[in-house]
Every structure is written in C-alpha cells, then in structure tokens.
C-alpha cells in the first residue's frame, strides 16, 4: 500500500473513532435526561454511529480495492 493511501486510511480511521466517541457521548447524555429531552440526543447518537459505520465500510472497501490492485500487479 502506498504512503498516500495509508495516510488516507489513517485519517478515515480517526474519523471512525471520532464518530464512535461522539455517539457514545450522546448516548450517555441521553441516559441522564428526562424522556422528553432524550430523544434528540438518542437521534444524534444514532446518526454519529451510522457515520462511523459508513467510514468503516469505506476503509474496508479501499483496503480490498488496494489489495486487488496489489494482487493483479503481482500476477
């Protein structure tokens, strides 16, 4: 894997970590709120978790594509 691709994957992984932490923070905040106030925080947590999952899938797709290129160049 070339250096530029590795750098991109590292940034995306940092984003995954950030989105996951944001989701956890929202979920913890929601747990301490009254039922009428917690829904917004739960929704934000769900959105952040979805973002983390999308970034994780993108990382996996990029790795697989890069591995496919490496395999085809060896053949």
PDB file of N, CA and C in Angstrom:
ATOM      1  N   UNK A   1       0.861  -1.176   0.000  1.00  0.00           N
ATOM      2  CA  UNK A   1       0.000   0.000   0.000  1.00  0.00           C
ATOM      3  C   UNK A   1       0.901   1.231   0.000  1.00  0.00           C
ATOM      4  N   UNK A   2       0.624   2.146  -0.898  1.00  0.00           N
ATOM      5  CA  UNK A   2       1.482   3.326  -0.962  1.00  0.00           C
ATOM      6  C   UNK A   2       1.205   4.273   0.209  1.00  0.00           C
ATOM      7  N   UNK A   3       2.136   5.186   0.409  1.00  0.00           N
ATOM      8  CA  UNK A   3       2.089   6.087   1.562  1.00  0.00           C
ATOM      9  C   UNK A   3       0.856   6.982   1.551  1.00  0.00           C
ATOM     10  N   UNK A   4       0.483   7.493   0.393  1.00  0.00           N
ATOM     11  CA  UNK A   4      -0.680   8.384   0.334  1.00  0.00           C
ATOM     12  C   UNK A   4      -1.964   7.638   0.683  1.00  0.00           C
ATOM     13  N   UNK A   5      -2.105   6.406   0.204  1.00  0.00           N
ATOM     14  CA  UNK A   5      -3.287   5.598   0.534  1.00  0.00           C
ATOM     15  C   UNK A   5      -3.307   5.293   2.027  1.00  0.00           C
ATOM     16  N   UNK A   6      -2.164   4.973   2.578  1.00  0.00           N
ATOM     17  CA  UNK A   6      -2.083   4.695   4.012  1.00  0.00           C
ATOM     18  C   UNK A   6      -2.485   5.928   4.826  1.00  0.00           C
ATOM     19  N   UNK A   7      -2.069   7.093   4.388  1.00  0.00           N
ATOM     20  CA  UNK A   7      -2.433   8.331   5.080  1.00  0.00           C
ATOM     21  C   UNK A   7      -3.937   8.568   5.044  1.00  0.00           C
ATOM     22  N   UNK A   8      -4.535   8.321   3.909  1.00  0.00           N
ATOM     23  CA  UNK A   8      -5.988   8.484   3.781  1.00  0.00           C
ATOM     24  C   UNK A   8      -6.709   7.517   4.707  1.00  0.00           C
ATOM     25  N   UNK A   9      -6.261   6.277   4.740  1.00  0.00           N
ATOM     26  CA  UNK A   9      -6.894   5.280   5.606  1.00  0.00           C
ATOM     27  C   UNK A   9      -6.737   5.647   7.084  1.00  0.00           C
ATOM     28  N   UNK A  10      -5.600   6.218   7.451  1.00  0.00           N
ATOM     29  CA  UNK A  10      -5.399   6.648   8.833  1.00  0.00           C
ATOM     30  C   UNK A  10      -6.357   7.773   9.207  1.00  0.00           C
ATOM     31  N   UNK A  11      -6.548   8.714   8.301  1.00  0.00           N
ATOM     32  CA  UNK A  11      -7.487   9.816   8.558  1.00  0.00           C
ATOM     33  C   UNK A  11      -8.906   9.274   8.687  1.00  0.00           C
ATOM     34  N   UNK A  12      -9.276   8.375   7.791  1.00  0.00           N
ATOM     35  CA  UNK A  12     -10.614   7.787   7.875  1.00  0.00           C
ATOM     36  C   UNK A  12     -10.803   7.018   9.180  1.00  0.00           C
ATOM     37  N   UNK A  13      -9.770   6.314   9.630  1.00  0.00           N
ATOM     38  CA  UNK A  13      -9.876   5.584  10.895  1.00  0.00           C
ATOM     39  C   UNK A  13     -10.024   6.548  12.065  1.00  0.00           C
ATOM     40  N   UNK A  14      -9.333   7.658  12.019  1.00  0.00           N
ATOM     41  CA  UNK A  14      -9.516   8.685  13.051  1.00  0.00           C
ATOM     42  C   UNK A  14     -10.950   9.193  13.051  1.00  0.00           C
ATOM     43  N   UNK A  15     -11.524   9.352  11.857  1.00  0.00           N
ATOM     44  CA  UNK A  15     -12.921   9.767  11.764  1.00  0.00           C
ATOM     45  C   UNK A  15     -13.854   8.725  12.377  1.00  0.00           C
ATOM     46  N   UNK A  16     -13.585   7.447  12.102  1.00  0.00           N
ATOM     47  CA  UNK A  16     -14.393   6.379  12.706  1.00  0.00           C
ATOM     48  C   UNK A  16     -14.347   6.504  14.224  1.00  0.00           C
ATOM     49  N   UNK A  17     -13.151   6.664  14.755  1.00  0.00           N
ATOM     50  CA  UNK A  17     -13.007   6.776  16.206  1.00  0.00           C
ATOM     51  C   UNK A  17     -13.753   7.996  16.755  1.00  0.00           C
ATOM     52  N   UNK A  18     -13.658   9.117  16.053  1.00  0.00           N
ATOM     53  CA  UNK A  18     -14.326  10.337  16.494  1.00  0.00           C
ATOM     54  C   UNK A  18     -15.836  10.166  16.470  1.00  0.00           C
ATOM     55  N   UNK A  19     -16.376   9.644  15.372  1.00  0.00           N
ATOM     56  CA  UNK A  19     -17.825   9.446  15.269  1.00  0.00           C
ATOM     57  C   UNK A  19     -18.319   8.490  16.336  1.00  0.00           C
ATOM     58  N   UNK A  20     -17.570   7.420  16.602  1.00  0.00           N
ATOM     59  CA  UNK A  20     -17.977   6.479  17.648  1.00  0.00           C
ATOM     60  C   UNK A  20     -17.978   7.141  19.017  1.00  0.00           C
ATOM     61  N   UNK A  21     -16.967   7.951  19.301  1.00  0.00           N
ATOM     62  CA  UNK A  21     -16.913   8.648  20.588  1.00  0.00           C
ATOM     63  C   UNK A  21     -18.053   9.647  20.706  1.00  0.00           C
ATOM     64  N   UNK A  22     -18.370  10.325  19.635  1.00  0.00           N
ATOM     65  CA  UNK A  22     -19.494  11.263  19.642  1.00  0.00           C
ATOM     66  C   UNK A  22     -20.808  10.529  19.910  1.00  0.00           C
ATOM     67  N   UNK A  23     -20.974   9.362  19.308  1.00  0.00           N
ATOM     68  CA  UNK A  23     -22.188   8.567  19.541  1.00  0.00           C
ATOM     69  C   UNK A  23     -22.288   8.147  21.002  1.00  0.00           C
ATOM     70  N   UNK A  24     -21.182   7.696  21.561  1.00  0.00           N
ATOM     71  CA  UNK A  24     -21.170   7.278  22.967  1.00  0.00           C
ATOM     72  C   UNK A  24     -21.506   8.448  23.878  1.00  0.00           C
ATOM     73  N   UNK A  25     -20.940   9.603  23.590  1.00  0.00           N
ATOM     74  CA  UNK A  25     -21.208  10.800  24.395  1.00  0.00           C
ATOM     75  C   UNK A  25     -22.694  11.157  24.353  1.00  0.00           C
ATOM     76  N   UNK A  26     -23.286  11.124  23.164  1.00  0.00           N
ATOM     77  CA  UNK A  26     -24.717  11.425  23.046  1.00  0.00           C
ATOM     78  C   UNK A  26     -25.556  10.394  23.800  1.00  0.00           C
ATOM     79  N   UNK A  27     -25.194   9.133  23.680  1.00  0.00           N
ATOM     80  CA  UNK A  27     -25.948   8.079  24.362  1.00  0.00           C
ATOM     81  C   UNK A  27     -25.869   8.232  25.881  1.00  0.00           C
ATOM     82  N   UNK A  28     -24.695   8.555  26.385  1.00  0.00           N
ATOM     83  CA  UNK A  28     -24.533   8.755  27.828  1.00  0.00           C
ATOM     84  C   UNK A  28     -25.308   9.985  28.301  1.00  0.00           C
ATOM     85  N   UNK A  29     -25.275  11.033  27.488  1.00  0.00           N
ATOM     86  CA  UNK A  29     -26.024  12.245  27.835  1.00  0.00           C
ATOM     87  C   UNK A  29     -27.520  11.931  27.859  1.00  0.00           C
ATOM     88  N   UNK A  30     -28.006  11.214  26.867  1.00  0.00           N
ATOM     89  CA  UNK A  30     -29.429  10.873  26.781  1.00  0.00           C
ATOM     90  C   UNK A  30     -29.880  10.046  27.978  1.00  0.00           C
ATOM     91  N   UNK A  31     -29.012   9.192  28.461  1.00  0.00           N
ATOM     92  CA  UNK A  31     -29.374   8.319  29.583  1.00  0.00           C
ATOM     93  C   UNK A  31     -29.689   9.119  30.843  1.00  0.00           C
ATOM     94  N   UNK A  32     -29.165  10.325  30.948  1.00  0.00           N
ATOM     95  CA  UNK A  32     -29.365  11.150  32.141  1.00  0.00           C
ATOM     96  C   UNK A  32     -30.459  12.198  31.979  1.00  0.00           C
ATOM     97  N   UNK A  33     -31.180  12.160  30.886  1.00  0.00           N
ATOM     98  CA  UNK A  33     -32.211  13.163  30.624  1.00  0.00           C
ATOM     99  C   UNK A  33     -33.609  12.574  30.812  1.00  0.00           C
ATOM    100  N   UNK A  34     -34.573  13.473  30.931  1.00  0.00           N
ATOM    101  CA  UNK A  34     -35.966  13.044  31.037  1.00  0.00           C
ATOM    102  C   UNK A  34     -36.432  12.526  29.676  1.00  0.00           C
ATOM    103  N   UNK A  35     -37.478  11.696  29.661  1.00  0.00           N
ATOM    104  CA  UNK A  35     -37.942  11.110  28.400  1.00  0.00           C
ATOM    105  C   UNK A  35     -38.208  12.132  27.297  1.00  0.00           C
ATOM    106  N   UNK A  36     -38.719  13.285  27.607  1.00  0.00           N
ATOM    107  CA  UNK A  36     -38.997  14.278  26.585  1.00  0.00           C
ATOM    108  C   UNK A  36     -37.758  14.914  25.985  1.00  0.00           C
ATOM    109  N   UNK A  37     -36.664  14.884  26.718  1.00  0.00           N
ATOM    110  CA  UNK A  37     -35.423  15.521  26.258  1.00  0.00           C
ATOM    111  C   UNK A  37     -34.438  14.551  25.632  1.00  0.00           C
ATOM    112  N   UNK A  38     -34.583  13.279  25.919  1.00  0.00           N
ATOM    113  CA  UNK A  38     -33.546  12.337  25.489  1.00  0.00           C
ATOM    114  C   UNK A  38     -33.623  11.943  24.021  1.00  0.00           C
ATOM    115  N   UNK A  39     -34.781  12.081  23.393  1.00  0.00           N
ATOM    116  CA  UNK A  39     -34.926  11.606  22.010  1.00  0.00           C
ATOM    117  C   UNK A  39     -33.965  12.295  21.043  1.00  0.00           C
ATOM    118  N   UNK A  40     -33.798  13.591  21.197  1.00  0.00           N
ATOM    119  CA  UNK A  40     -32.878  14.315  20.310  1.00  0.00           C
ATOM    120  C   UNK A  40     -31.443  13.827  20.446  1.00  0.00           C
ATOM    121  N   UNK A  41     -31.035  13.582  21.673  1.00  0.00           N
ATOM    122  CA  UNK A  41     -29.674  13.075  21.923  1.00  0.00           C
ATOM    123  C   UNK A  41     -29.524  11.650  21.393  1.00  0.00           C
ATOM    124  N   UNK A  42     -30.571  10.848  21.538  1.00  0.00           N
ATOM    125  CA  UNK A  42     -30.510   9.485  21.005  1.00  0.00           C
ATOM    126  C   UNK A  42     -30.409   9.502  19.483  1.00  0.00           C
ATOM    127  N   UNK A  43     -31.147  10.416  18.866  1.00  0.00           N
ATOM    128  CA  UNK A  43     -31.095  10.537  17.412  1.00  0.00           C
ATOM    129  C   UNK A  43     -29.701  10.962  16.954  1.00  0.00           C
ATOM    130  N   UNK A  44     -29.119  11.949  17.626  1.00  0.00           N
ATOM    131  CA  UNK A  44     -27.756  12.368  17.264  1.00  0.00           C
ATOM    132  C   UNK A  44     -26.786  11.200  17.431  1.00  0.00           C
ATOM    133  N   UNK A  45     -26.926  10.444  18.511  1.00  0.00           N
ATOM    134  CA  UNK A  45     -26.064   9.284  18.723  1.00  0.00           C
ATOM    135  C   UNK A  45     -26.199   8.274  17.600  1.00  0.00           C
ATOM    136  N   UNK A  46     -27.436   8.044  17.163  1.00  0.00           N
ATOM    137  CA  UNK A  46     -27.659   7.100  16.066  1.00  0.00           C
ATOM    138  C   UNK A  46     -27.041   7.598  14.765  1.00  0.00           C
ATOM    139  N   UNK A  47     -27.155   8.892  14.511  1.00  0.00           N
ATOM    140  CA  UNK A  47     -26.566   9.468  13.297  1.00  0.00           C
ATOM    141  C   UNK A  47     -25.041   9.342  13.349  1.00  0.00           C
ATOM    142  N   UNK A  48     -24.446   9.651  14.489  1.00  0.00           N
ATOM    143  CA  UNK A  48     -22.994   9.542  14.623  1.00  0.00           C
ATOM    144  C   UNK A  48     -22.529   8.092  14.471  1.00  0.00           C
ATOM    145  N   UNK A  49     -23.278   7.171  15.033  1.00  0.00           N
ATOM    146  CA  UNK A  49     -22.917   5.754  14.908  1.00  0.00           C
ATOM    147  C   UNK A  49     -23.004   5.317  13.443  1.00  0.00           C
ATOM    148  N   UNK A  50     -24.030   5.797  12.739  1.00  0.00           N
ATOM    149  CA  UNK A  50     -24.165   5.479  11.319  1.00  0.00           C
ATOM    150  C   UNK A  50     -22.974   6.034  10.531  1.00  0.00           C
ATOM    151  N   UNK A  51     -22.543   7.247  10.854  1.00  0.00           N
ATOM    152  CA  UNK A  51     -21.372   7.833  10.200  1.00  0.00           C
ATOM    153  C   UNK A  51     -20.130   6.978  10.437  1.00  0.00           C
ATOM    154  N   UNK A  52     -19.967   6.520  11.662  1.00  0.00           N
ATOM    155  CA  UNK A  52     -18.812   5.668  11.980  1.00  0.00           C
ATOM    156  C   UNK A  52     -18.848   4.399  11.135  1.00  0.00           C
ATOM    157  N   UNK A  53     -20.016   3.806  11.022  1.00  0.00           N
ATOM    158  CA  UNK A  53     -20.147   2.575  10.237  1.00  0.00           C
ATOM    159  C   UNK A  53     -19.862   2.825   8.756  1.00  0.00           C
ATOM    160  N   UNK A  54     -20.340   3.952   8.229  1.00  0.00           N
ATOM    161  CA  UNK A  54     -20.075   4.275   6.823  1.00  0.00           C
ATOM    162  C   UNK A  54     -18.580   4.471   6.575  1.00  0.00           C
ATOM    163  N   UNK A  55     -17.908   5.154   7.480  1.00  0.00           N
ATOM    164  CA  UNK A  55     -16.464   5.342   7.331  1.00  0.00           C
ATOM    165  C   UNK A  55     -15.734   4.001   7.426  1.00  0.00           C
ATOM    166  N   UNK A  56     -16.165   3.144   8.344  1.00  0.00           N
ATOM    167  CA  UNK A  56     -15.529   1.827   8.490  1.00  0.00           C
ATOM    168  C   UNK A  56     -15.709   1.001   7.213  1.00  0.00           C
ATOM    169  N   UNK A  57     -16.900   1.056   6.619  1.00  0.00           N
ATOM    170  CA  UNK A  57     -17.130   0.332   5.357  1.00  0.00           C
ATOM    171  C   UNK A  57     -16.265   0.901   4.239  1.00  0.00           C
ATOM    172  N   UNK A  58     -16.125   2.210   4.202  1.00  0.00           N
ATOM    173  CA  UNK A  58     -15.285   2.840   3.187  1.00  0.00           C
ATOM    174  C   UNK A  58     -13.829   2.393   3.333  1.00  0.00           C
ATOM    175  N   UNK A  59     -13.351   2.331   4.557  1.00  0.00           N
ATOM    176  CA  UNK A  59     -11.985   1.857   4.809  1.00  0.00           C
ATOM    177  C   UNK A  59     -11.823   0.438   4.282  1.00  0.00           C
ATOM    178  N   UNK A  60     -12.783  -0.414   4.602  1.00  0.00           N
ATOM    179  CA  UNK A  60     -12.696  -1.810   4.162  1.00  0.00           C
ATOM    180  C   UNK A  60     -12.730  -1.909   2.636  1.00  0.00           C
ATOM    181  N   UNK A  61     -13.586  -1.139   1.992  1.00  0.00           N
ATOM    182  CA  UNK A  61     -13.650  -1.147   0.529  1.00  0.00           C
ATOM    183  C   UNK A  61     -12.334  -0.683  -0.082  1.00  0.00           C
ATOM    184  N   UNK A  62     -11.745   0.349   0.495  1.00  0.00           N
ATOM    185  CA  UNK A  62     -10.480   0.868  -0.027  1.00  0.00           C
ATOM    186  C   UNK A  62      -9.362  -0.153   0.157  1.00  0.00           C
ATOM    187  N   UNK A  63      -9.352  -0.821   1.301  1.00  0.00           N
ATOM    188  CA  UNK A  63      -8.329  -1.853   1.534  1.00  0.00           C
ATOM    189  C   UNK A  63      -8.487  -3.002   0.547  1.00  0.00           C
ATOM    190  N   UNK A  64      -9.723  -3.445   0.344  1.00  0.00           N
ATOM    191  CA  UNK A  64      -9.956  -4.547  -0.590  1.00  0.00           C
ATOM    192  C   UNK A  64      -9.574  -4.158  -2.005  1.00  0.00           C
ATOM    193  N   UNK A  65      -9.919  -2.942  -2.409  1.00  0.00           N
ATOM    194  CA  UNK A  65      -9.560  -2.480  -3.747  1.00  0.00           C
ATOM    195  C   UNK A  65      -8.048  -2.396  -3.893  1.00  0.00           C
ATOM    196  N   UNK A  66      -7.388  -1.920  -2.863  1.00  0.00           N
ATOM    197  CA  UNK A  66      -5.931  -1.807  -2.907  1.00  0.00           C
ATOM    198  C   UNK A  66      -5.287  -3.189  -2.938  1.00  0.00           C
ATOM    199  N   UNK A  67      -5.833  -4.133  -2.183  1.00  0.00           N
ATOM    200  CA  UNK A  67      -5.295  -5.499  -2.193  1.00  0.00           C
ATOM    201  C   UNK A  67      -5.511  -6.140  -3.558  1.00  0.00           C
ATOM    202  N   UNK A  68      -6.659  -5.846  -4.191  1.00  0.00           N
ATOM    203  CA  UNK A  68      -6.923  -6.375  -5.530  1.00  0.00           C
ATOM    204  C   UNK A  68      -5.935  -5.849  -6.544  1.00  0.00           C
ATOM    205  N   UNK A  69      -5.589  -4.565  -6.423  1.00  0.00           N
ATOM    206  CA  UNK A  69      -4.588  -3.989  -7.332  1.00  0.00           C
ATOM    207  C   UNK A  69      -3.212  -4.610  -7.077  1.00  0.00           C
ATOM    208  N   UNK A  70      -2.885  -4.819  -5.814  1.00  0.00           N
ATOM    209  CA  UNK A  70      -1.576  -5.416  -5.495  1.00  0.00           C
ATOM    210  C   UNK A  70      -1.495  -6.841  -6.009  1.00  0.00           C
ATOM    211  N   UNK A  71      -2.585  -7.590  -5.883  1.00  0.00           N
ATOM    212  CA  UNK A  71      -2.606  -8.974  -6.344  1.00  0.00           C
ATOM    213  C   UNK A  71      -2.501  -9.040  -7.867  1.00  0.00           C
ATOM    214  N   UNK A  72      -3.217  -8.172  -8.562  1.00  0.00           N
ATOM    215  CA  UNK A  72      -3.200  -8.202 -10.033  1.00  0.00           C
ATOM    216  C   UNK A  72      -1.851  -7.728 -10.582  1.00  0.00           C
ATOM    217  N   UNK A  73      -1.151  -6.872  -9.853  1.00  0.00           N
ATOM    218  CA  UNK A  73       0.150  -6.410 -10.339  1.00  0.00           C
ATOM    219  C   UNK A  73       1.236  -7.462 -10.131  1.00  0.00           C
ATOM    220  N   UNK A  74       0.992  -8.397  -9.180  1.00  0.00           N
ATOM    221  CA  UNK A  74       1.945  -9.469  -8.924  1.00  0.00           C
ATOM    222  C   UNK A  74       1.787 -10.563  -9.949  1.00  0.00           C
ATOM    223  N   UNK A  75       0.571 -10.771 -10.443  1.00  0.00           N
ATOM    224  CA  UNK A  75       0.282 -11.863 -11.386  1.00  0.00           C
ATOM    225  C   UNK A  75       0.986 -11.713 -12.691  1.00  0.00           C
TER     226      UNK A  75
END
